[in-house]
Amino acid sequence: MSSAVEEKVFRLDSIKWLLVVAMVAGGIYGNWLYSAESVLYRAIALLALAAVALLIAAQTAKGRAALELARGARTEWRKIVWPTKQERNQTTLIVVLLIIVMALILWGIDTLLSLAAAGIMG
């Protein structure tokens, strides 16, 4: 029994990436060239240009892999179980108390060592 594995063939990836780089460079140059125009218009133009560049980049092998990575990260993000407010407060209180206890222990050790050094040195 043979299974047909469908693999998308990505053609002309280097040309697509050159087009994306040219679009980004053009957006930077256009933003500089039209610096006297309203920031709102320039931002809208840059967002539209970025959307087109991302669509072109998504048609390449690396772009498709990046999209799959983003989808996987989104799936993993949804699996996170966040602590409740009570759990957060209790954990914070425990950490603060441990820090205070450790600070007191280290202060005590430092004081004893300082007294011992003073006794030895005279």
PDB file of N, CA and C in Angstrom:
ATOM      1  N   MET A   1       0.837  -1.163   0.000  1.00  0.00           N
ATOM      2  CA  MET A   1       0.000   0.000   0.000  1.00  0.00           C
ATOM      3  C   MET A   1       0.892   1.239   0.000  1.00  0.00           C
ATOM      4  N   SER A   2       0.715   2.067  -0.959  1.00  0.00           N
ATOM      5  CA  SER A   2       1.546   3.262  -1.052  1.00  0.00           C
ATOM      6  C   SER A   2       0.721   4.480  -0.667  1.00  0.00           C
ATOM      7  N   SER A   3       1.355   5.339   0.059  1.00  0.00           N
ATOM      8  CA  SER A   3       0.666   6.574   0.440  1.00  0.00           C
ATOM      9  C   SER A   3       1.308   7.725  -0.303  1.00  0.00           C
ATOM     10  N   ALA A   4       0.469   8.533  -0.872  1.00  0.00           N
ATOM     11  CA  ALA A   4       0.963   9.692  -1.618  1.00  0.00           C
ATOM     12  C   ALA A   4       1.171  10.841  -0.644  1.00  0.00           C
ATOM     13  N   VAL A   5       2.382  11.302  -0.604  1.00  0.00           N
ATOM     14  CA  VAL A   5       2.714  12.427   0.264  1.00  0.00           C
ATOM     15  C   VAL A   5       2.727  13.674  -0.596  1.00  0.00           C
ATOM     16  N   GLU A   6       1.869  14.593  -0.212  1.00  0.00           N
ATOM     17  CA  GLU A   6       1.803  15.834  -0.978  1.00  0.00           C
ATOM     18  C   GLU A   6       2.774  16.840  -0.380  1.00  0.00           C
ATOM     19  N   GLU A   7       3.673  17.289  -1.199  1.00  0.00           N
ATOM     20  CA  GLU A   7       4.606  18.329  -0.785  1.00  0.00           C
ATOM     21  C   GLU A   7       4.470  19.486  -1.755  1.00  0.00           C
ATOM     22  N   LYS A   8       4.308  20.646  -1.184  1.00  0.00           N
ATOM     23  CA  LYS A   8       4.176  21.826  -2.014  1.00  0.00           C
ATOM     24  C   LYS A   8       5.552  22.195  -2.562  1.00  0.00           C
ATOM     25  N   VAL A   9       5.603  22.405  -3.844  1.00  0.00           N
ATOM     26  CA  VAL A   9       6.853  22.797  -4.481  1.00  0.00           C
ATOM     27  C   VAL A   9       6.922  24.317  -4.470  1.00  0.00           C
ATOM     28  N   PHE A  10       7.987  24.819  -3.883  1.00  0.00           N
ATOM     29  CA  PHE A  10       8.173  26.265  -3.799  1.00  0.00           C
ATOM     30  C   PHE A  10       9.123  26.680  -4.922  1.00  0.00           C
ATOM     31  N   ARG A  11       8.569  27.393  -5.864  1.00  0.00           N
ATOM     32  CA  ARG A  11       9.365  27.829  -7.003  1.00  0.00           C
ATOM     33  C   ARG A  11       9.684  29.314  -6.869  1.00  0.00           C
ATOM     34  N   LEU A  12      10.807  29.655  -7.367  1.00  0.00           N
ATOM     35  CA  LEU A  12      11.244  31.049  -7.442  1.00  0.00           C
ATOM     36  C   LEU A  12      11.285  31.720  -6.058  1.00  0.00           C
ATOM     37  N   ASP A  13      11.696  30.973  -5.041  1.00  0.00           N
ATOM     38  CA  ASP A  13      11.762  31.540  -3.690  1.00  0.00           C
ATOM     39  C   ASP A  13      12.708  32.726  -3.609  1.00  0.00           C
ATOM     40  N   SER A  14      13.848  32.624  -4.271  1.00  0.00           N
ATOM     41  CA  SER A  14      14.818  33.718  -4.182  1.00  0.00           C
ATOM     42  C   SER A  14      14.268  35.005  -4.799  1.00  0.00           C
ATOM     43  N   ILE A  15      13.510  34.855  -5.876  1.00  0.00           N
ATOM     44  CA  ILE A  15      12.917  36.051  -6.501  1.00  0.00           C
ATOM     45  C   ILE A  15      11.855  36.647  -5.580  1.00  0.00           C
ATOM     46  N   LYS A  16      11.085  35.799  -4.922  1.00  0.00           N
ATOM     47  CA  LYS A  16      10.069  36.295  -3.987  1.00  0.00           C
ATOM     48  C   LYS A  16      10.724  37.035  -2.821  1.00  0.00           C
ATOM     49  N   TRP A  17      11.836  36.482  -2.305  1.00  0.00           N
ATOM     50  CA  TRP A  17      12.512  37.151  -1.203  1.00  0.00           C
ATOM     51  C   TRP A  17      13.125  38.479  -1.652  1.00  0.00           C
ATOM     52  N   LEU A  18      13.650  38.508  -2.874  1.00  0.00           N
ATOM     53  CA  LEU A  18      14.167  39.783  -3.397  1.00  0.00           C
ATOM     54  C   LEU A  18      13.049  40.809  -3.518  1.00  0.00           C
ATOM     55  N   LEU A  19      11.867  40.360  -3.932  1.00  0.00           N
ATOM     56  CA  LEU A  19      10.717  41.259  -4.033  1.00  0.00           C
ATOM     57  C   LEU A  19      10.319  41.780  -2.652  1.00  0.00           C
ATOM     58  N   VAL A  20      10.346  40.908  -1.662  1.00  0.00           N
ATOM     59  CA  VAL A  20      10.013  41.330  -0.293  1.00  0.00           C
ATOM     60  C   VAL A  20      11.027  42.356   0.207  1.00  0.00           C
ATOM     61  N   VAL A  21      12.304  42.090  -0.011  1.00  0.00           N
ATOM     62  CA  VAL A  21      13.344  43.027   0.422  1.00  0.00           C
ATOM     63  C   VAL A  21      13.195  44.361  -0.312  1.00  0.00           C
ATOM     64  N   ALA A  22      12.894  44.309  -1.598  1.00  0.00           N
ATOM     65  CA  ALA A  22      12.693  45.541  -2.370  1.00  0.00           C
ATOM     66  C   ALA A  22      11.490  46.315  -1.846  1.00  0.00           C
ATOM     67  N   MET A  23      10.433  45.600  -1.454  1.00  0.00           N
ATOM     68  CA  MET A  23       9.255  46.289  -0.923  1.00  0.00           C
ATOM     69  C   MET A  23       9.552  46.946   0.418  1.00  0.00           C
ATOM     70  N   VAL A  24      10.310  46.265   1.271  1.00  0.00           N
ATOM     71  CA  VAL A  24      10.669  46.849   2.563  1.00  0.00           C
ATOM     72  C   VAL A  24      11.563  48.071   2.356  1.00  0.00           C
ATOM     73  N   ALA A  25      12.545  47.942   1.464  1.00  0.00           N
ATOM     74  CA  ALA A  25      13.428  49.075   1.177  1.00  0.00           C
ATOM     75  C   ALA A  25      12.627  50.234   0.571  1.00  0.00           C
ATOM     76  N   GLY A  26      11.696  49.919  -0.303  1.00  0.00           N
ATOM     77  CA  GLY A  26      10.848  50.959  -0.887  1.00  0.00           C
ATOM     78  C   GLY A  26       9.975  51.633   0.156  1.00  0.00           C
ATOM     79  N   GLY A  27       9.496  50.855   1.117  1.00  0.00           N
ATOM     80  CA  GLY A  27       8.695  51.438   2.184  1.00  0.00           C
ATOM     81  C   GLY A  27       9.513  52.377   3.053  1.00  0.00           C
ATOM     82  N   ILE A  28      10.743  51.979   3.348  1.00  0.00           N
ATOM     83  CA  ILE A  28      11.623  52.842   4.142  1.00  0.00           C
ATOM     84  C   ILE A  28      11.945  54.124   3.374  1.00  0.00           C
ATOM     85  N   TYR A  29      12.273  53.969   2.101  1.00  0.00           N
ATOM     86  CA  TYR A  29      12.586  55.146   1.280  1.00  0.00           C
ATOM     87  C   TYR A  29      11.359  56.045   1.135  1.00  0.00           C
ATOM     88  N   GLY A  30      10.194  55.442   0.890  1.00  0.00           N
ATOM     89  CA  GLY A  30       8.971  56.230   0.745  1.00  0.00           C
ATOM     90  C   GLY A  30       8.610  56.959   2.024  1.00  0.00           C
ATOM     91  N   ASN A  31       8.827  56.324   3.167  1.00  0.00           N
ATOM     92  CA  ASN A  31       8.559  56.979   4.442  1.00  0.00           C
ATOM     93  C   ASN A  31       9.475  58.179   4.629  1.00  0.00           C
ATOM     94  N   TRP A  32      10.728  58.038   4.218  1.00  0.00           N
ATOM     95  CA  TRP A  32      11.662  59.164   4.304  1.00  0.00           C
ATOM     96  C   TRP A  32      11.297  60.252   3.301  1.00  0.00           C
ATOM     97  N   LEU A  33      10.955  59.827   2.067  1.00  0.00           N
ATOM     98  CA  LEU A  33      10.663  60.783   1.005  1.00  0.00           C
ATOM     99  C   LEU A  33       9.424  61.615   1.324  1.00  0.00           C
ATOM    100  N   TYR A  34       8.420  60.991   1.898  1.00  0.00           N
ATOM    101  CA  TYR A  34       7.170  61.691   2.207  1.00  0.00           C
ATOM    102  C   TYR A  34       7.075  62.036   3.692  1.00  0.00           C
ATOM    103  N   SER A  35       8.194  62.417   4.281  1.00  0.00           N
ATOM    104  CA  SER A  35       8.212  62.735   5.707  1.00  0.00           C
ATOM    105  C   SER A  35       7.389  63.976   6.045  1.00  0.00           C
ATOM    106  N   ALA A  36       7.078  64.805   5.054  1.00  0.00           N
ATOM    107  CA  ALA A  36       6.274  65.996   5.293  1.00  0.00           C
ATOM    108  C   ALA A  36       4.784  65.659   5.370  1.00  0.00           C
ATOM    109  N   GLU A  37       4.401  64.472   4.910  1.00  0.00           N
ATOM    110  CA  GLU A  37       2.992  64.067   4.948  1.00  0.00           C
ATOM    111  C   GLU A  37       2.605  63.649   6.365  1.00  0.00           C
ATOM    112  N   SER A  38       1.320  63.468   6.561  1.00  0.00           N
ATOM    113  CA  SER A  38       0.793  63.076   7.865  1.00  0.00           C
ATOM    114  C   SER A  38       1.323  61.696   8.267  1.00  0.00           C
ATOM    115  N   VAL A  39       1.590  61.546   9.538  1.00  0.00           N
ATOM    116  CA  VAL A  39       2.079  60.276  10.052  1.00  0.00           C
ATOM    117  C   VAL A  39       1.026  59.188   9.856  1.00  0.00           C
ATOM    118  N   LEU A  40      -0.236  59.547   9.964  1.00  0.00           N
ATOM    119  CA  LEU A  40      -1.319  58.582   9.780  1.00  0.00           C
ATOM    120  C   LEU A  40      -1.281  57.971   8.388  1.00  0.00           C
ATOM    121  N   TYR A  41      -1.133  58.797   7.373  1.00  0.00           N
ATOM    122  CA  TYR A  41      -1.102  58.290   5.996  1.00  0.00           C
ATOM    123  C   TYR A  41       0.122  57.413   5.758  1.00  0.00           C
ATOM    124  N   ARG A  42       1.247  57.841   6.295  1.00  0.00           N
ATOM    125  CA  ARG A  42       2.463  57.040   6.128  1.00  0.00           C
ATOM    126  C   ARG A  42       2.348  55.708   6.852  1.00  0.00           C
ATOM    127  N   ALA A  43       1.745  55.713   8.037  1.00  0.00           N
ATOM    128  CA  ALA A  43       1.573  54.468   8.792  1.00  0.00           C
ATOM    129  C   ALA A  43       0.639  53.510   8.065  1.00  0.00           C
ATOM    130  N   ILE A  44      -0.443  54.036   7.508  1.00  0.00           N
ATOM    131  CA  ILE A  44      -1.378  53.194   6.751  1.00  0.00           C
ATOM    132  C   ILE A  44      -0.681  52.594   5.535  1.00  0.00           C
ATOM    133  N   ALA A  45       0.092  53.420   4.826  1.00  0.00           N
ATOM    134  CA  ALA A  45       0.811  52.927   3.646  1.00  0.00           C
ATOM    135  C   ALA A  45       1.827  51.854   4.034  1.00  0.00           C
ATOM    136  N   LEU A  46       2.549  52.070   5.142  1.00  0.00           N
ATOM    137  CA  LEU A  46       3.531  51.082   5.580  1.00  0.00           C
ATOM    138  C   LEU A  46       2.869  49.786   6.023  1.00  0.00           C
ATOM    139  N   LEU A  47       1.721  49.879   6.696  1.00  0.00           N
ATOM    140  CA  LEU A  47       1.008  48.665   7.104  1.00  0.00           C
ATOM    141  C   LEU A  47       0.506  47.886   5.898  1.00  0.00           C
ATOM    142  N   ALA A  48      -0.006  48.592   4.897  1.00  0.00           N
ATOM    143  CA  ALA A  48      -0.468  47.918   3.683  1.00  0.00           C
ATOM    144  C   ALA A  48       0.707  47.258   2.965  1.00  0.00           C
ATOM    145  N   LEU A  49       1.810  47.956   2.866  1.00  0.00           N
ATOM    146  CA  LEU A  49       3.003  47.407   2.225  1.00  0.00           C
ATOM    147  C   LEU A  49       3.538  46.195   2.995  1.00  0.00           C
ATOM    148  N   ALA A  50       3.515  46.272   4.326  1.00  0.00           N
ATOM    149  CA  ALA A  50       3.964  45.143   5.144  1.00  0.00           C
ATOM    150  C   ALA A  50       3.048  43.939   4.965  1.00  0.00           C
ATOM    151  N   ALA A  51       1.746  44.176   4.839  1.00  0.00           N
ATOM    152  CA  ALA A  51       0.805  43.069   4.640  1.00  0.00           C
ATOM    153  C   ALA A  51       1.068  42.368   3.311  1.00  0.00           C
ATOM    154  N   VAL A  52       1.305  43.141   2.265  1.00  0.00           N
ATOM    155  CA  VAL A  52       1.595  42.552   0.954  1.00  0.00           C
ATOM    156  C   VAL A  52       2.924  41.799   0.996  1.00  0.00           C
ATOM    157  N   ALA A  53       3.922  42.380   1.651  1.00  0.00           N
ATOM    158  CA  ALA A  53       5.227  41.719   1.752  1.00  0.00           C
ATOM    159  C   ALA A  53       5.116  40.414   2.543  1.00  0.00           C
ATOM    160  N   LEU A  54       4.315  40.406   3.606  1.00  0.00           N
ATOM    161  CA  LEU A  54       4.128  39.181   4.379  1.00  0.00           C
ATOM    162  C   LEU A  54       3.385  38.121   3.573  1.00  0.00           C
ATOM    163  N   LEU A  55       2.416  38.547   2.779  1.00  0.00           N
ATOM    164  CA  LEU A  55       1.709  37.582   1.928  1.00  0.00           C
ATOM    165  C   LEU A  55       2.651  36.946   0.908  1.00  0.00           C
ATOM    166  N   ILE A  56       3.530  37.750   0.352  1.00  0.00           N
ATOM    167  CA  ILE A  56       4.495  37.208  -0.606  1.00  0.00           C
ATOM    168  C   ILE A  56       5.486  36.291   0.109  1.00  0.00           C
ATOM    169  N   ALA A  57       5.958  36.711   1.279  1.00  0.00           N
ATOM    170  CA  ALA A  57       6.921  35.896   2.021  1.00  0.00           C
ATOM    171  C   ALA A  57       6.298  34.579   2.467  1.00  0.00           C
ATOM    172  N   ALA A  58       4.997  34.570   2.732  1.00  0.00           N
ATOM    173  CA  ALA A  58       4.329  33.345   3.169  1.00  0.00           C
ATOM    174  C   ALA A  58       4.243  32.311   2.052  1.00  0.00           C
ATOM    175  N   GLN A  59       4.485  32.716   0.832  1.00  0.00           N
ATOM    176  CA  GLN A  59       4.430  31.788  -0.300  1.00  0.00           C
ATOM    177  C   GLN A  59       5.756  31.066  -0.515  1.00  0.00           C
ATOM    178  N   THR A  60       6.751  31.342   0.331  1.00  0.00           N
ATOM    179  CA  THR A  60       8.052  30.673   0.214  1.00  0.00           C
ATOM    180  C   THR A  60       8.139  29.535   1.233  1.00  0.00           C
ATOM    181  N   ALA A  61       9.149  28.698   1.095  1.00  0.00           N
ATOM    182  CA  ALA A  61       9.320  27.560   2.007  1.00  0.00           C
ATOM    183  C   ALA A  61       9.579  28.037   3.439  1.00  0.00           C
ATOM    184  N   LYS A  62      10.462  29.012   3.600  1.00  0.00           N
ATOM    185  CA  LYS A  62      10.763  29.525   4.937  1.00  0.00           C
ATOM    186  C   LYS A  62       9.575  30.274   5.522  1.00  0.00           C
ATOM    187  N   GLY A  63       8.850  30.974   4.691  1.00  0.00           N
ATOM    188  CA  GLY A  63       7.656  31.669   5.159  1.00  0.00           C
ATOM    189  C   GLY A  63       6.591  30.702   5.622  1.00  0.00           C
ATOM    190  N   ARG A  64       6.417  29.611   4.889  1.00  0.00           N
ATOM    191  CA  ARG A  64       5.439  28.584   5.279  1.00  0.00           C
ATOM    192  C   ARG A  64       5.857  27.938   6.601  1.00  0.00           C
ATOM    193  N   ALA A  65       7.165  27.699   6.771  1.00  0.00           N
ATOM    194  CA  ALA A  65       7.658  27.126   8.022  1.00  0.00           C
ATOM    195  C   ALA A  65       7.430  28.090   9.190  1.00  0.00           C
ATOM    196  N   ALA A  66       7.615  29.379   8.959  1.00  0.00           N
ATOM    197  CA  ALA A  66       7.389  30.367  10.008  1.00  0.00           C
ATOM    198  C   ALA A  66       5.913  30.408  10.406  1.00  0.00           C
ATOM    199  N   LEU A  67       5.025  30.280   9.432  1.00  0.00           N
ATOM    200  CA  LEU A  67       3.594  30.245   9.739  1.00  0.00           C
ATOM    201  C   LEU A  67       3.233  29.011  10.551  1.00  0.00           C
ATOM    202  N   GLU A  68       3.812  27.877  10.212  1.00  0.00           N
ATOM    203  CA  GLU A  68       3.560  26.656  10.979  1.00  0.00           C
ATOM    204  C   GLU A  68       4.069  26.796  12.406  1.00  0.00           C
ATOM    205  N   LEU A  69       5.224  27.422  12.573  1.00  0.00           N
ATOM    206  CA  LEU A  69       5.767  27.660  13.906  1.00  0.00           C
ATOM    207  C   LEU A  69       4.836  28.571  14.708  1.00  0.00           C
ATOM    208  N   ALA A  70       4.313  29.613  14.074  1.00  0.00           N
ATOM    209  CA  ALA A  70       3.399  30.529  14.759  1.00  0.00           C
ATOM    210  C   ALA A  70       2.109  29.814  15.159  1.00  0.00           C
ATOM    211  N   ARG A  71       1.602  28.948  14.286  1.00  0.00           N
ATOM    212  CA  ARG A  71       0.395  28.191  14.627  1.00  0.00           C
ATOM    213  C   ARG A  71       0.654  27.250  15.802  1.00  0.00           C
ATOM    214  N   GLY A  72       1.814  26.600  15.796  1.00  0.00           N
ATOM    215  CA  GLY A  72       2.165  25.712  16.905  1.00  0.00           C
ATOM    216  C   GLY A  72       2.312  26.467  18.212  1.00  0.00           C
ATOM    217  N   ALA A  73       2.920  27.646  18.158  1.00  0.00           N
ATOM    218  CA  ALA A  73       3.090  28.460  19.361  1.00  0.00           C
ATOM    219  C   ALA A  73       1.734  28.906  19.898  1.00  0.00           C
ATOM    220  N   ARG A  74       0.822  29.237  18.997  1.00  0.00           N
ATOM    221  CA  ARG A  74      -0.519  29.649  19.407  1.00  0.00           C
ATOM    222  C   ARG A  74      -1.241  28.487  20.090  1.00  0.00           C
ATOM    223  N   THR A  75      -1.085  27.295  19.549  1.00  0.00           N
ATOM    224  CA  THR A  75      -1.709  26.121  20.154  1.00  0.00           C
ATOM    225  C   THR A  75      -1.145  25.869  21.547  1.00  0.00           C
ATOM    226  N   GLU A  76       0.167  25.961  21.696  1.00  0.00           N
ATOM    227  CA  GLU A  76       0.791  25.749  22.998  1.00  0.00           C
ATOM    228  C   GLU A  76       0.393  26.839  23.990  1.00  0.00           C
ATOM    229  N   TRP A  77       0.244  28.060  23.516  1.00  0.00           N
ATOM    230  CA  TRP A  77      -0.141  29.175  24.381  1.00  0.00           C
ATOM    231  C   TRP A  77      -1.513  28.922  24.982  1.00  0.00           C
ATOM    232  N   ARG A  78      -2.404  28.322  24.199  1.00  0.00           N
ATOM    233  CA  ARG A  78      -3.757  28.036  24.698  1.00  0.00           C
ATOM    234  C   ARG A  78      -3.769  26.924  25.738  1.00  0.00           C
ATOM    235  N   LYS A  79      -2.739  26.107  25.787  1.00  0.00           N
ATOM    236  CA  LYS A  79      -2.676  25.002  26.738  1.00  0.00           C
ATOM    237  C   LYS A  79      -2.223  25.442  28.133  1.00  0.00           C
ATOM    238  N   ILE A  80      -1.742  26.653  28.264  1.00  0.00           N
ATOM    239  CA  ILE A  80      -1.220  27.141  29.540  1.00  0.00           C
ATOM    240  C   ILE A  80      -2.359  27.300  30.533  1.00  0.00           C
ATOM    241  N   VAL A  81      -2.144  26.807  31.754  1.00  0.00           N
ATOM    242  CA  VAL A  81      -3.108  26.988  32.826  1.00  0.00           C
ATOM    243  C   VAL A  81      -2.551  28.068  33.742  1.00  0.00           C
ATOM    244  N   TRP A  82      -3.196  29.220  33.738  1.00  0.00           N
ATOM    245  CA  TRP A  82      -2.718  30.339  34.532  1.00  0.00           C
ATOM    246  C   TRP A  82      -3.191  30.199  35.968  1.00  0.00           C
ATOM    247  N   PRO A  83      -2.379  30.636  36.940  1.00  0.00           N
ATOM    248  CA  PRO A  83      -2.792  30.524  38.347  1.00  0.00           C
ATOM    249  C   PRO A  83      -3.929  31.488  38.661  1.00  0.00           C
ATOM    250  N   THR A  84      -4.693  31.095  39.679  1.00  0.00           N
ATOM    251  CA  THR A  84      -5.763  31.983  40.124  1.00  0.00           C
ATOM    252  C   THR A  84      -5.160  33.124  40.937  1.00  0.00           C
ATOM    253  N   LYS A  85      -5.998  34.087  41.274  1.00  0.00           N
ATOM    254  CA  LYS A  85      -5.514  35.231  42.044  1.00  0.00           C
ATOM    255  C   LYS A  85      -5.020  34.774  43.422  1.00  0.00           C
ATOM    256  N   GLN A  86      -5.732  33.836  44.039  1.00  0.00           N
ATOM    257  CA  GLN A  86      -5.332  33.337  45.352  1.00  0.00           C
ATOM    258  C   GLN A  86      -3.996  32.593  45.265  1.00  0.00           C
ATOM    259  N   GLU A  87      -3.818  31.764  44.260  1.00  0.00           N
ATOM    260  CA  GLU A  87      -2.553  31.035  44.094  1.00  0.00           C
ATOM    261  C   GLU A  87      -1.398  32.006  43.859  1.00  0.00           C
ATOM    262  N   ARG A  88      -1.635  33.034  43.061  1.00  0.00           N
ATOM    263  CA  ARG A  88      -0.602  34.035  42.795  1.00  0.00           C
ATOM    264  C   ARG A  88      -0.201  34.762  44.063  1.00  0.00           C
ATOM    265  N   ASN A  89      -1.188  35.161  44.850  1.00  0.00           N
ATOM    266  CA  ASN A  89      -0.900  35.896  46.089  1.00  0.00           C
ATOM    267  C   ASN A  89      -0.158  35.012  47.092  1.00  0.00           C
ATOM    268  N   GLN A  90      -0.562  33.753  47.221  1.00  0.00           N
ATOM    269  CA  GLN A  90       0.099  32.844  48.149  1.00  0.00           C
ATOM    270  C   GLN A  90       1.542  32.593  47.732  1.00  0.00           C
ATOM    271  N   THR A  91       1.762  32.375  46.443  1.00  0.00           N
ATOM    272  CA  THR A  91       3.117  32.133  45.955  1.00  0.00           C
ATOM    273  C   THR A  91       4.002  33.358  46.180  1.00  0.00           C
ATOM    274  N   THR A  92       3.473  34.525  45.926  1.00  0.00           N
ATOM    275  CA  THR A  92       4.228  35.760  46.143  1.00  0.00           C
ATOM    276  C   THR A  92       4.582  35.926  47.609  1.00  0.00           C
ATOM    277  N   LEU A  93       3.630  35.640  48.492  1.00  0.00           N
ATOM    278  CA  LEU A  93       3.879  35.751  49.925  1.00  0.00           C
ATOM    279  C   LEU A  93       4.964  34.771  50.384  1.00  0.00           C
ATOM    280  N   ILE A  94       4.920  33.552  49.858  1.00  0.00           N
ATOM    281  CA  ILE A  94       5.945  32.559  50.212  1.00  0.00           C
ATOM    282  C   ILE A  94       7.324  33.021  49.765  1.00  0.00           C
ATOM    283  N   VAL A  95       7.413  33.559  48.556  1.00  0.00           N
ATOM    284  CA  VAL A  95       8.702  34.028  48.044  1.00  0.00           C
ATOM    285  C   VAL A  95       9.231  35.182  48.883  1.00  0.00           C
ATOM    286  N   VAL A  96       8.374  36.128  49.227  1.00  0.00           N
ATOM    287  CA  VAL A  96       8.813  37.273  50.038  1.00  0.00           C
ATOM    288  C   VAL A  96       9.280  36.803  51.412  1.00  0.00           C
ATOM    289  N   LEU A  97       8.529  35.883  52.032  1.00  0.00           N
ATOM    290  CA  LEU A  97       8.940  35.373  53.343  1.00  0.00           C
ATOM    291  C   LEU A  97      10.262  34.629  53.278  1.00  0.00           C
ATOM    292  N   LEU A  98      10.475  33.824  52.250  1.00  0.00           N
ATOM    293  CA  LEU A  98      11.752  33.125  52.107  1.00  0.00           C
ATOM    294  C   LEU A  98      12.908  34.090  51.897  1.00  0.00           C
ATOM    295  N   ILE A  99      12.674  35.148  51.170  1.00  0.00           N
ATOM    296  CA  ILE A  99      13.724  36.153  50.966  1.00  0.00           C
ATOM    297  C   ILE A  99      14.083  36.812  52.298  1.00  0.00           C
ATOM    298  N   ILE A 100      13.074  37.129  53.102  1.00  0.00           N
ATOM    299  CA  ILE A 100      13.335  37.754  54.403  1.00  0.00           C
ATOM    300  C   ILE A 100      14.096  36.799  55.310  1.00  0.00           C
ATOM    301  N   VAL A 101      13.675  35.525  55.352  1.00  0.00           N
ATOM    302  CA  VAL A 101      14.354  34.531  56.200  1.00  0.00           C
ATOM    303  C   VAL A 101      15.810  34.368  55.759  1.00  0.00           C
ATOM    304  N   MET A 102      16.041  34.250  54.446  1.00  0.00           N
ATOM    305  CA  MET A 102      17.414  34.087  53.953  1.00  0.00           C
ATOM    306  C   MET A 102      18.253  35.328  54.252  1.00  0.00           C
ATOM    307  N   ALA A 103      17.650  36.513  54.144  1.00  0.00           N
ATOM    308  CA  ALA A 103      18.388  37.738  54.463  1.00  0.00           C
ATOM    309  C   ALA A 103      18.788  37.755  55.937  1.00  0.00           C
ATOM    310  N   LEU A 104      17.889  37.318  56.824  1.00  0.00           N
ATOM    311  CA  LEU A 104      18.216  37.278  58.251  1.00  0.00           C
ATOM    312  C   LEU A 104      19.302  36.251  58.539  1.00  0.00           C
ATOM    313  N   ILE A 105      19.230  35.092  57.890  1.00  0.00           N
ATOM    314  CA  ILE A 105      20.261  34.069  58.090  1.00  0.00           C
ATOM    315  C   ILE A 105      21.623  34.584  57.627  1.00  0.00           C
ATOM    316  N   LEU A 106      21.669  35.194  56.452  1.00  0.00           N
ATOM    317  CA  LEU A 106      22.938  35.715  55.940  1.00  0.00           C
ATOM    318  C   LEU A 106      23.462  36.858  56.807  1.00  0.00           C
ATOM    319  N   TRP A 107      22.558  37.706  57.330  1.00  0.00           N
ATOM    320  CA  TRP A 107      22.968  38.788  58.226  1.00  0.00           C
ATOM    321  C   TRP A 107      23.575  38.207  59.501  1.00  0.00           C
ATOM    322  N   GLY A 108      22.947  37.135  60.021  1.00  0.00           N
ATOM    323  CA  GLY A 108      23.470  36.497  61.227  1.00  0.00           C
ATOM    324  C   GLY A 108      24.838  35.879  60.992  1.00  0.00           C
ATOM    325  N   ILE A 109      25.003  35.175  59.885  1.00  0.00           N
ATOM    326  CA  ILE A 109      26.303  34.580  59.566  1.00  0.00           C
ATOM    327  C   ILE A 109      27.359  35.657  59.392  1.00  0.00           C
ATOM    328  N   ASP A 110      27.017  36.746  58.717  1.00  0.00           N
ATOM    329  CA  ASP A 110      27.951  37.851  58.502  1.00  0.00           C
ATOM    330  C   ASP A 110      28.355  38.482  59.835  1.00  0.00           C
ATOM    331  N   THR A 111      27.393  38.648  60.725  1.00  0.00           N
ATOM    332  CA  THR A 111      27.689  39.235  62.031  1.00  0.00           C
ATOM    333  C   THR A 111      28.621  38.325  62.835  1.00  0.00           C
ATOM    334  N   LEU A 112      28.338  37.017  62.847  1.00  0.00           N
ATOM    335  CA  LEU A 112      29.194  36.074  63.574  1.00  0.00           C
ATOM    336  C   LEU A 112      30.601  36.056  63.010  1.00  0.00           C
ATOM    337  N   LEU A 113      30.718  36.033  61.689  1.00  0.00           N
ATOM    338  CA  LEU A 113      32.051  36.035  61.069  1.00  0.00           C
ATOM    339  C   LEU A 113      32.792  37.341  61.344  1.00  0.00           C
ATOM    340  N   SER A 114      32.064  38.463  61.343  1.00  0.00           N
ATOM    341  CA  SER A 114      32.702  39.745  61.627  1.00  0.00           C
ATOM    342  C   SER A 114      33.215  39.779  63.077  1.00  0.00           C
ATOM    343  N   LEU A 115      32.404  39.266  64.014  1.00  0.00           N
ATOM    344  CA  LEU A 115      32.841  39.210  65.413  1.00  0.00           C
ATOM    345  C   LEU A 115      34.046  38.293  65.576  1.00  0.00           C
ATOM    346  N   ALA A 116      34.010  37.155  64.867  1.00  0.00           N
ATOM    347  CA  ALA A 116      35.143  36.215  64.947  1.00  0.00           C
ATOM    348  C   ALA A 116      36.399  36.851  64.369  1.00  0.00           C
ATOM    349  N   ALA A 117      36.284  37.557  63.254  1.00  0.00           N
ATOM    350  CA  ALA A 117      37.446  38.208  62.651  1.00  0.00           C
ATOM    351  C   ALA A 117      37.959  39.320  63.551  1.00  0.00           C
ATOM    352  N   ALA A 118      37.057  40.051  64.173  1.00  0.00           N
ATOM    353  CA  ALA A 118      37.480  41.113  65.092  1.00  0.00           C
ATOM    354  C   ALA A 118      38.171  40.527  66.314  1.00  0.00           C
ATOM    355  N   GLY A 119      37.691  39.379  66.805  1.00  0.00           N
ATOM    356  CA  GLY A 119      38.327  38.725  67.962  1.00  0.00           C
ATOM    357  C   GLY A 119      39.717  38.203  67.621  1.00  0.00           C
ATOM    358  N   ILE A 120      39.874  37.676  66.409  1.00  0.00           N
ATOM    359  CA  ILE A 120      41.186  37.156  65.998  1.00  0.00           C
ATOM    360  C   ILE A 120      42.166  38.290  65.767  1.00  0.00           C
ATOM    361  N   MET A 121      41.733  39.361  65.150  1.00  0.00           N
ATOM    362  CA  MET A 121      42.630  40.471  64.809  1.00  0.00           C
ATOM    363  C   MET A 121      42.900  41.361  66.011  1.00  0.00           C
ATOM    364  N   GLY A 122      42.056  41.265  66.966  1.00  0.00           N
ATOM    365  CA  GLY A 122      42.338  42.000  68.200  1.00  0.00           C
ATOM    366  C   GLY A 122      41.641  43.259  68.250  1.00  0.00           C
TER     367      GLY A 122
END
